[in-house]
Amino acid sequence: MNFEEKLEKSKELIDKLMNPEITLEESIKIYKEGLESIKEAQKMLEEAKLKVEEINKNISGVES
């Protein structure tokens, strides 16, 4: 699953949590799933940031 899909999944889970008819048990399960999805998305974002920093570093070194 890519970053955008993880964000979309998180949005869907938030919508589910907003449903007043779900049980406490379901809420906890959805909440846990959402946190895991967000954590994975944050990791992907951090990895992308490191790649961009490395590219910028390499480009700066070439231009010197």
PDB file of N, CA and C in Angstrom:
ATOM      1  N   MET A   1       0.857  -1.170   0.000  1.00  0.00           N
ATOM      2  CA  MET A   1       0.000   0.000   0.000  1.00  0.00           C
ATOM      3  C   MET A   1       0.906   1.237   0.000  1.00  0.00           C
ATOM      4  N   ASN A   2       0.604   2.189  -0.885  1.00  0.00           N
ATOM      5  CA  ASN A   2       1.438   3.383  -0.947  1.00  0.00           C
ATOM      6  C   ASN A   2       0.953   4.452   0.040  1.00  0.00           C
ATOM      7  N   PHE A   3       1.689   5.544   0.088  1.00  0.00           N
ATOM      8  CA  PHE A   3       1.418   6.615   1.049  1.00  0.00           C
ATOM      9  C   PHE A   3       0.003   7.165   0.904  1.00  0.00           C
ATOM     10  N   GLU A   4      -0.394   7.458  -0.314  1.00  0.00           N
ATOM     11  CA  GLU A   4      -1.710   8.031  -0.553  1.00  0.00           C
ATOM     12  C   GLU A   4      -2.827   7.079  -0.126  1.00  0.00           C
ATOM     13  N   GLU A   5      -2.632   5.793  -0.383  1.00  0.00           N
ATOM     14  CA  GLU A   5      -3.623   4.790   0.019  1.00  0.00           C
ATOM     15  C   GLU A   5      -3.720   4.702   1.545  1.00  0.00           C
ATOM     16  N   LYS A   6      -2.586   4.831   2.211  1.00  0.00           N
ATOM     17  CA  LYS A   6      -2.591   4.802   3.678  1.00  0.00           C
ATOM     18  C   LYS A   6      -3.350   6.011   4.238  1.00  0.00           C
ATOM     19  N   LEU A   7      -3.159   7.171   3.627  1.00  0.00           N
ATOM     20  CA  LEU A   7      -3.896   8.354   4.061  1.00  0.00           C
ATOM     21  C   LEU A   7      -5.394   8.180   3.837  1.00  0.00           C
ATOM     22  N   GLU A   8      -5.749   7.637   2.694  1.00  0.00           N
ATOM     23  CA  GLU A   8      -7.162   7.414   2.389  1.00  0.00           C
ATOM     24  C   GLU A   8      -7.778   6.418   3.374  1.00  0.00           C
ATOM     25  N   LYS A   9      -7.030   5.377   3.677  1.00  0.00           N
ATOM     26  CA  LYS A   9      -7.511   4.389   4.647  1.00  0.00           C
ATOM     27  C   LYS A   9      -7.726   5.045   6.012  1.00  0.00           C
ATOM     28  N   SER A  10      -6.808   5.902   6.400  1.00  0.00           N
ATOM     29  CA  SER A  10      -6.935   6.602   7.677  1.00  0.00           C
ATOM     30  C   SER A  10      -8.188   7.474   7.702  1.00  0.00           C
ATOM     31  N   LYS A  11      -8.461   8.154   6.595  1.00  0.00           N
ATOM     32  CA  LYS A  11      -9.668   8.984   6.505  1.00  0.00           C
ATOM     33  C   LYS A  11     -10.931   8.127   6.642  1.00  0.00           C
ATOM     34  N   GLU A  12     -10.918   6.971   5.996  1.00  0.00           N
ATOM     35  CA  GLU A  12     -12.062   6.064   6.082  1.00  0.00           C
ATOM     36  C   GLU A  12     -12.275   5.580   7.516  1.00  0.00           C
ATOM     37  N   LEU A  13     -11.178   5.299   8.204  1.00  0.00           N
ATOM     38  CA  LEU A  13     -11.279   4.836   9.584  1.00  0.00           C
ATOM     39  C   LEU A  13     -11.819   5.944  10.492  1.00  0.00           C
ATOM     40  N   ILE A  14     -11.415   7.179  10.231  1.00  0.00           N
ATOM     41  CA  ILE A  14     -11.947   8.307  11.002  1.00  0.00           C
ATOM     42  C   ILE A  14     -13.451   8.415  10.799  1.00  0.00           C
ATOM     43  N   ASP A  15     -13.888   8.253   9.558  1.00  0.00           N
ATOM     44  CA  ASP A  15     -15.326   8.288   9.273  1.00  0.00           C
ATOM     45  C   ASP A  15     -16.062   7.192  10.054  1.00  0.00           C
ATOM     46  N   LYS A  16     -15.458   6.011  10.121  1.00  0.00           N
ATOM     47  CA  LYS A  16     -16.077   4.915  10.867  1.00  0.00           C
ATOM     48  C   LYS A  16     -16.179   5.253  12.355  1.00  0.00           C
ATOM     49  N   LEU A  17     -15.140   5.897  12.880  1.00  0.00           N
ATOM     50  CA  LEU A  17     -15.151   6.265  14.300  1.00  0.00           C
ATOM     51  C   LEU A  17     -16.230   7.303  14.613  1.00  0.00           C
ATOM     52  N   MET A  18     -16.605   8.075  13.625  1.00  0.00           N
ATOM     53  CA  MET A  18     -17.620   9.112  13.818  1.00  0.00           C
ATOM     54  C   MET A  18     -19.028   8.532  13.903  1.00  0.00           C
ATOM     55  N   ASN A  19     -19.175   7.269  13.532  1.00  0.00           N
ATOM     56  CA  ASN A  19     -20.479   6.615  13.564  1.00  0.00           C
ATOM     57  C   ASN A  19     -20.887   6.353  15.019  1.00  0.00           C
ATOM     58  N   PRO A  20     -21.955   6.967  15.483  1.00  0.00           N
ATOM     59  CA  PRO A  20     -22.355   6.787  16.877  1.00  0.00           C
ATOM     60  C   PRO A  20     -22.910   5.386  17.187  1.00  0.00           C
ATOM     61  N   GLU A  21     -23.131   4.584  16.160  1.00  0.00           N
ATOM     62  CA  GLU A  21     -23.727   3.273  16.372  1.00  0.00           C
ATOM     63  C   GLU A  21     -22.698   2.154  16.578  1.00  0.00           C
ATOM     64  N   ILE A  22     -21.399   2.452  16.422  1.00  0.00           N
ATOM     65  CA  ILE A  22     -20.421   1.386  16.620  1.00  0.00           C
ATOM     66  C   ILE A  22     -20.177   1.173  18.113  1.00  0.00           C
ATOM     67  N   THR A  23     -19.795  -0.041  18.421  1.00  0.00           N
ATOM     68  CA  THR A  23     -19.571  -0.393  19.820  1.00  0.00           C
ATOM     69  C   THR A  23     -18.204   0.109  20.282  1.00  0.00           C
ATOM     70  N   LEU A  24     -18.016   0.110  21.577  1.00  0.00           N
ATOM     71  CA  LEU A  24     -16.726   0.499  22.142  1.00  0.00           C
ATOM     72  C   LEU A  24     -15.629  -0.424  21.632  1.00  0.00           C
ATOM     73  N   GLU A  25     -15.915  -1.706  21.593  1.00  0.00           N
ATOM     74  CA  GLU A  25     -14.938  -2.691  21.106  1.00  0.00           C
ATOM     75  C   GLU A  25     -14.542  -2.390  19.657  1.00  0.00           C
ATOM     76  N   GLU A  26     -15.522  -2.101  18.814  1.00  0.00           N
ATOM     77  CA  GLU A  26     -15.237  -1.759  17.420  1.00  0.00           C
ATOM     78  C   GLU A  26     -14.428  -0.469  17.339  1.00  0.00           C
ATOM     79  N   SER A  27     -14.771   0.495  18.163  1.00  0.00           N
ATOM     80  CA  SER A  27     -14.044   1.771  18.185  1.00  0.00           C
ATOM     81  C   SER A  27     -12.577   1.563  18.504  1.00  0.00           C
ATOM     82  N   ILE A  28     -12.302   0.727  19.489  1.00  0.00           N
ATOM     83  CA  ILE A  28     -10.914   0.458  19.878  1.00  0.00           C
ATOM     84  C   ILE A  28     -10.164  -0.224  18.744  1.00  0.00           C
ATOM     85  N   LYS A  29     -10.799  -1.184  18.109  1.00  0.00           N
ATOM     86  CA  LYS A  29     -10.173  -1.895  16.988  1.00  0.00           C
ATOM     87  C   LYS A  29      -9.868  -0.930  15.844  1.00  0.00           C
ATOM     88  N   ILE A  30     -10.822  -0.091  15.496  1.00  0.00           N
ATOM     89  CA  ILE A  30     -10.644   0.871  14.413  1.00  0.00           C
ATOM     90  C   ILE A  30      -9.556   1.885  14.774  1.00  0.00           C
ATOM     91  N   TYR A  31      -9.570   2.350  16.018  1.00  0.00           N
ATOM     92  CA  TYR A  31      -8.570   3.306  16.481  1.00  0.00           C
ATOM     93  C   TYR A  31      -7.161   2.723  16.357  1.00  0.00           C
ATOM     94  N   LYS A  32      -6.999   1.485  16.795  1.00  0.00           N
ATOM     95  CA  LYS A  32      -5.697   0.818  16.710  1.00  0.00           C
ATOM     96  C   LYS A  32      -5.252   0.676  15.256  1.00  0.00           C
ATOM     97  N   GLU A  33      -6.160   0.265  14.407  1.00  0.00           N
ATOM     98  CA  GLU A  33      -5.854   0.105  12.984  1.00  0.00           C
ATOM     99  C   GLU A  33      -5.446   1.450  12.373  1.00  0.00           C
ATOM    100  N   GLY A  34      -6.139   2.499  12.763  1.00  0.00           N
ATOM    101  CA  GLY A  34      -5.821   3.834  12.257  1.00  0.00           C
ATOM    102  C   GLY A  34      -4.449   4.300  12.685  1.00  0.00           C
ATOM    103  N   LEU A  35      -4.110   4.074  13.948  1.00  0.00           N
ATOM    104  CA  LEU A  35      -2.785   4.463  14.432  1.00  0.00           C
ATOM    105  C   LEU A  35      -1.681   3.713  13.699  1.00  0.00           C
ATOM    106  N   GLU A  36      -1.909   2.439  13.444  1.00  0.00           N
ATOM    107  CA  GLU A  36      -0.912   1.647  12.715  1.00  0.00           C
ATOM    108  C   GLU A  36      -0.748   2.173  11.289  1.00  0.00           C
ATOM    109  N   SER A  37      -1.849   2.509  10.647  1.00  0.00           N
ATOM    110  CA  SER A  37      -1.800   3.037   9.289  1.00  0.00           C
ATOM    111  C   SER A  37      -1.073   4.383   9.250  1.00  0.00           C
ATOM    112  N   ILE A  38      -1.353   5.244  10.216  1.00  0.00           N
ATOM    113  CA  ILE A  38      -0.696   6.549  10.278  1.00  0.00           C
ATOM    114  C   ILE A  38       0.799   6.383  10.556  1.00  0.00           C
ATOM    115  N   LYS A  39       1.136   5.469  11.433  1.00  0.00           N
ATOM    116  CA  LYS A  39       2.548   5.218  11.752  1.00  0.00           C
ATOM    117  C   LYS A  39       3.306   4.765  10.505  1.00  0.00           C
ATOM    118  N   GLU A  40       2.699   3.877   9.734  1.00  0.00           N
ATOM    119  CA  GLU A  40       3.327   3.406   8.501  1.00  0.00           C
ATOM    120  C   GLU A  40       3.468   4.550   7.494  1.00  0.00           C
ATOM    121  N   ALA A  41       2.456   5.397   7.392  1.00  0.00           N
ATOM    122  CA  ALA A  41       2.514   6.538   6.478  1.00  0.00           C
ATOM    123  C   ALA A  41       3.605   7.515   6.907  1.00  0.00           C
ATOM    124  N   GLN A  42       3.734   7.758   8.209  1.00  0.00           N
ATOM    125  CA  GLN A  42       4.791   8.639   8.712  1.00  0.00           C
ATOM    126  C   GLN A  42       6.173   8.087   8.385  1.00  0.00           C
ATOM    127  N   LYS A  43       6.322   6.776   8.491  1.00  0.00           N
ATOM    128  CA  LYS A  43       7.601   6.143   8.156  1.00  0.00           C
ATOM    129  C   LYS A  43       7.910   6.341   6.674  1.00  0.00           C
ATOM    130  N   MET A  44       6.914   6.160   5.833  1.00  0.00           N
ATOM    131  CA  MET A  44       7.105   6.359   4.396  1.00  0.00           C
ATOM    132  C   MET A  44       7.493   7.811   4.101  1.00  0.00           C
ATOM    133  N   LEU A  45       6.849   8.737   4.774  1.00  0.00           N
ATOM    134  CA  LEU A  45       7.133  10.156   4.589  1.00  0.00           C
ATOM    135  C   LEU A  45       8.561  10.489   5.027  1.00  0.00           C
ATOM    136  N   GLU A  46       8.986   9.938   6.140  1.00  0.00           N
ATOM    137  CA  GLU A  46      10.352  10.161   6.621  1.00  0.00           C
ATOM    138  C   GLU A  46      11.370   9.589   5.641  1.00  0.00           C
ATOM    139  N   GLU A  47      11.094   8.406   5.099  1.00  0.00           N
ATOM    140  CA  GLU A  47      12.001   7.809   4.116  1.00  0.00           C
ATOM    141  C   GLU A  47      12.091   8.671   2.869  1.00  0.00           C
ATOM    142  N   ALA A  48      10.968   9.216   2.422  1.00  0.00           N
ATOM    143  CA  ALA A  48      10.966  10.094   1.254  1.00  0.00           C
ATOM    144  C   ALA A  48      11.761  11.364   1.546  1.00  0.00           C
ATOM    145  N   LYS A  49      11.608  11.899   2.741  1.00  0.00           N
ATOM    146  CA  LYS A  49      12.346  13.104   3.134  1.00  0.00           C
ATOM    147  C   LYS A  49      13.851  12.842   3.093  1.00  0.00           C
ATOM    148  N   LEU A  50      14.277  11.690   3.601  1.00  0.00           N
ATOM    149  CA  LEU A  50      15.700  11.349   3.577  1.00  0.00           C
ATOM    150  C   LEU A  50      16.218  11.213   2.149  1.00  0.00           C
ATOM    151  N   LYS A  51      15.406  10.647   1.272  1.00  0.00           N
ATOM    152  CA  LYS A  51      15.801  10.518  -0.136  1.00  0.00           C
ATOM    153  C   LYS A  51      15.974  11.887  -0.776  1.00  0.00           C
ATOM    154  N   VAL A  52      15.043  12.800  -0.502  1.00  0.00           N
ATOM    155  CA  VAL A  52      15.128  14.149  -1.065  1.00  0.00           C
ATOM    156  C   VAL A  52      16.371  14.866  -0.525  1.00  0.00           C
ATOM    157  N   GLU A  53      16.625  14.726   0.761  1.00  0.00           N
ATOM    158  CA  GLU A  53      17.820  15.339   1.349  1.00  0.00           C
ATOM    159  C   GLU A  53      19.090  14.781   0.715  1.00  0.00           C
ATOM    160  N   GLU A  54      19.124  13.493   0.460  1.00  0.00           N
ATOM    161  CA  GLU A  54      20.288  12.872  -0.173  1.00  0.00           C
ATOM    162  C   GLU A  54      20.470  13.394  -1.600  1.00  0.00           C
ATOM    163  N   ILE A  55      19.373  13.524  -2.330  1.00  0.00           N
ATOM    164  CA  ILE A  55      19.442  14.065  -3.691  1.00  0.00           C
ATOM    165  C   ILE A  55      19.974  15.486  -3.656  1.00  0.00           C
ATOM    166  N   ASN A  56      19.441  16.306  -2.757  1.00  0.00           N
ATOM    167  CA  ASN A  56      19.898  17.688  -2.637  1.00  0.00           C
ATOM    168  C   ASN A  56      21.370  17.754  -2.264  1.00  0.00           C
ATOM    169  N   LYS A  57      21.797  16.875  -1.385  1.00  0.00           N
ATOM    170  CA  LYS A  57      23.191  16.824  -0.966  1.00  0.00           C
ATOM    171  C   LYS A  57      24.090  16.484  -2.166  1.00  0.00           C
ATOM    172  N   ASN A  58      23.653  15.497  -2.953  1.00  0.00           N
ATOM    173  CA  ASN A  58      24.433  15.087  -4.123  1.00  0.00           C
ATOM    174  C   ASN A  58      24.486  16.191  -5.167  1.00  0.00           C
ATOM    175  N   ILE A  59      23.388  16.875  -5.368  1.00  0.00           N
ATOM    176  CA  ILE A  59      23.341  17.960  -6.348  1.00  0.00           C
ATOM    177  C   ILE A  59      24.226  19.118  -5.893  1.00  0.00           C
ATOM    178  N   SER A  60      24.173  19.441  -4.623  1.00  0.00           N
ATOM    179  CA  SER A  60      25.003  20.526  -4.074  1.00  0.00           C
ATOM    180  C   SER A  60      26.483  20.186  -4.224  1.00  0.00           C
ATOM    181  N   GLY A  61      26.829  18.933  -4.043  1.00  0.00           N
ATOM    182  CA  GLY A  61      28.212  18.515  -4.190  1.00  0.00           C
ATOM    183  C   GLY A  61      28.691  18.597  -5.614  1.00  0.00           C
ATOM    184  N   VAL A  62      27.829  18.344  -6.574  1.00  0.00           N
ATOM    185  CA  VAL A  62      28.166  18.404  -7.994  1.00  0.00           C
ATOM    186  C   VAL A  62      28.353  19.847  -8.445  1.00  0.00           C
ATOM    187  N   GLU A  63      27.541  20.754  -7.892  1.00  0.00           N
ATOM    188  CA  GLU A  63      27.585  22.153  -8.306  1.00  0.00           C
ATOM    189  C   GLU A  63      28.804  22.890  -7.750  1.00  0.00           C
ATOM    190  N   SER A  64      29.424  22.367  -6.709  1.00  0.00           N
ATOM    191  CA  SER A  64      30.547  23.078  -6.075  1.00  0.00           C
ATOM    192  C   SER A  64      31.776  23.117  -6.921  1.00  0.00           C
TER     193      SER A  64
END
